[in-house]
Protein backbone atom coordinates (compact mmCIF):
# COMPACT_ATOMS: atom_id res chain seq x y z
CA MET A 1 35.15 -7.91 -77.60
CA GLY A 2 36.46 -6.43 -80.93
CA VAL A 3 33.40 -7.62 -82.84
CA PHE A 4 31.14 -6.13 -80.17
CA LEU A 5 32.85 -2.72 -80.49
CA LEU A 6 32.72 -2.94 -84.28
CA LEU A 7 28.99 -3.56 -84.17
CA TRP A 8 28.61 -0.44 -81.93
CA ALA A 9 30.75 1.44 -84.49
CA LEU A 10 28.28 0.42 -87.15
CA LEU A 11 25.40 1.85 -85.07
CA ALA A 12 27.42 5.10 -84.54
CA LEU A 13 28.05 5.26 -88.33
CA THR A 14 24.20 4.98 -88.81
CA LEU A 15 23.58 7.72 -86.32
CA THR A 16 26.18 9.92 -88.03
CA LEU A 17 24.40 9.56 -91.33
CA ALA A 18 20.95 10.06 -89.71
CA ALA A 19 22.15 13.26 -87.98
CA SER A 20 22.71 15.05 -91.33
CA GLY A 21 19.52 17.10 -90.83
CA GLY A 22 20.43 18.03 -87.29
CA GLY A 23 23.50 20.12 -87.99
CA LEU A 24 27.24 19.70 -88.24
CA PHE A 25 27.80 19.58 -84.50
CA GLY A 26 25.77 16.44 -84.02
CA GLN A 27 27.35 14.78 -87.01
CA GLY A 28 30.74 15.69 -85.71
CA VAL A 29 30.07 14.09 -82.27
CA TYR A 30 28.61 10.94 -83.77
CA GLY A 31 31.45 10.81 -86.33
CA LEU A 32 34.06 11.01 -83.50
CA LEU A 33 32.16 8.30 -81.66
CA PHE A 34 32.26 6.12 -84.83
CA VAL A 35 36.07 6.66 -85.21
CA ALA A 36 36.67 5.90 -81.51
CA LEU A 37 34.63 2.64 -81.53
CA LEU A 38 36.34 1.63 -84.83
CA LEU A 39 39.80 2.23 -83.46
CA LEU A 40 38.86 0.37 -80.16
CA GLY A 41 37.38 -2.56 -82.08
CA ILE A 42 40.32 -2.92 -84.47
CA GLY A 43 42.74 -2.55 -81.58
CA ALA A 44 40.93 -5.24 -79.63
CA LEU A 45 40.94 -7.68 -82.56
CA ALA A 46 44.60 -7.01 -83.50
CA GLY A 47 45.76 -6.92 -79.94
CA ASN A 48 47.31 -3.44 -80.54
CA ASP A 49 47.30 -1.38 -77.38
CA GLY A 50 48.25 1.80 -79.33
CA LEU A 51 45.05 1.69 -81.30
CA GLY A 52 43.13 1.15 -78.12
CA LYS A 53 44.67 4.20 -76.46
CA ALA A 54 44.08 6.34 -79.52
CA GLY A 55 40.44 5.18 -79.59
CA GLY A 56 40.12 6.02 -75.91
CA TRP A 57 41.37 9.60 -76.44
CA VAL A 58 39.10 10.06 -79.43
CA ALA A 59 36.17 8.78 -77.22
CA ALA A 60 37.11 11.22 -74.52
CA VAL A 61 37.06 14.16 -76.99
CA ALA A 62 33.70 12.94 -78.36
CA GLY A 63 32.35 12.78 -74.81
CA LEU A 64 33.54 16.25 -73.99
CA LEU A 65 31.96 17.59 -77.10
CA ALA A 66 28.68 15.82 -76.41
CA TRP A 67 28.69 17.26 -72.90
CA TYR A 68 29.38 20.74 -74.23
CA GLY A 69 26.55 20.48 -76.78
CA ALA A 70 24.07 19.20 -74.12
CA THR A 71 24.96 21.95 -71.76
CA ALA A 72 24.70 24.61 -74.41
CA ALA A 73 21.31 23.23 -75.43
CA VAL A 74 20.02 23.26 -71.86
CA ALA A 75 21.45 26.75 -71.08
CA SER A 76 19.75 28.29 -74.11
CA ARG A 77 16.29 26.98 -73.33
CA PRO A 78 13.91 29.25 -71.43
CA THR A 79 13.04 28.18 -67.95
CA ALA A 80 9.50 27.46 -66.77
CA LEU A 81 9.83 30.07 -64.09
CA ARG A 82 9.17 33.65 -65.03
CA ARG A 83 11.57 36.17 -63.57
CA ARG A 84 9.97 38.93 -61.59
CA ALA A 85 11.01 42.54 -62.01
CA SER A 86 12.69 43.98 -58.94
CA ASP A 87 9.78 46.23 -58.05
CA GLU A 88 7.11 43.43 -58.05
CA SER A 89 6.38 41.85 -54.77
CA ALA A 90 6.27 38.15 -54.29
CA PRO A 91 2.86 36.56 -53.94
CA ALA A 92 1.70 36.11 -50.36
CA ALA A 93 1.75 32.61 -48.98
CA SER A 94 -1.59 31.34 -47.82
């Protein structure tokens, strides 16, 4: 299981380096994911529960930051529906 997690950590490191053009927030999320997977992989290989718990907490923080970033991105996009002014009437249903 440790080697599997370390391979995923390698992918997360690649994504961290690839996100350099996308901004610091994306790099930070992928960087935290890399650190979490690295800690989890080393903890699994070494049989160290402390590293596994630390990796789990780092992964939880990375997940919360990713959720925050996705919510902020969705909230700032305009919707497809146009808001009507309060004095406009709704179109009649046919």
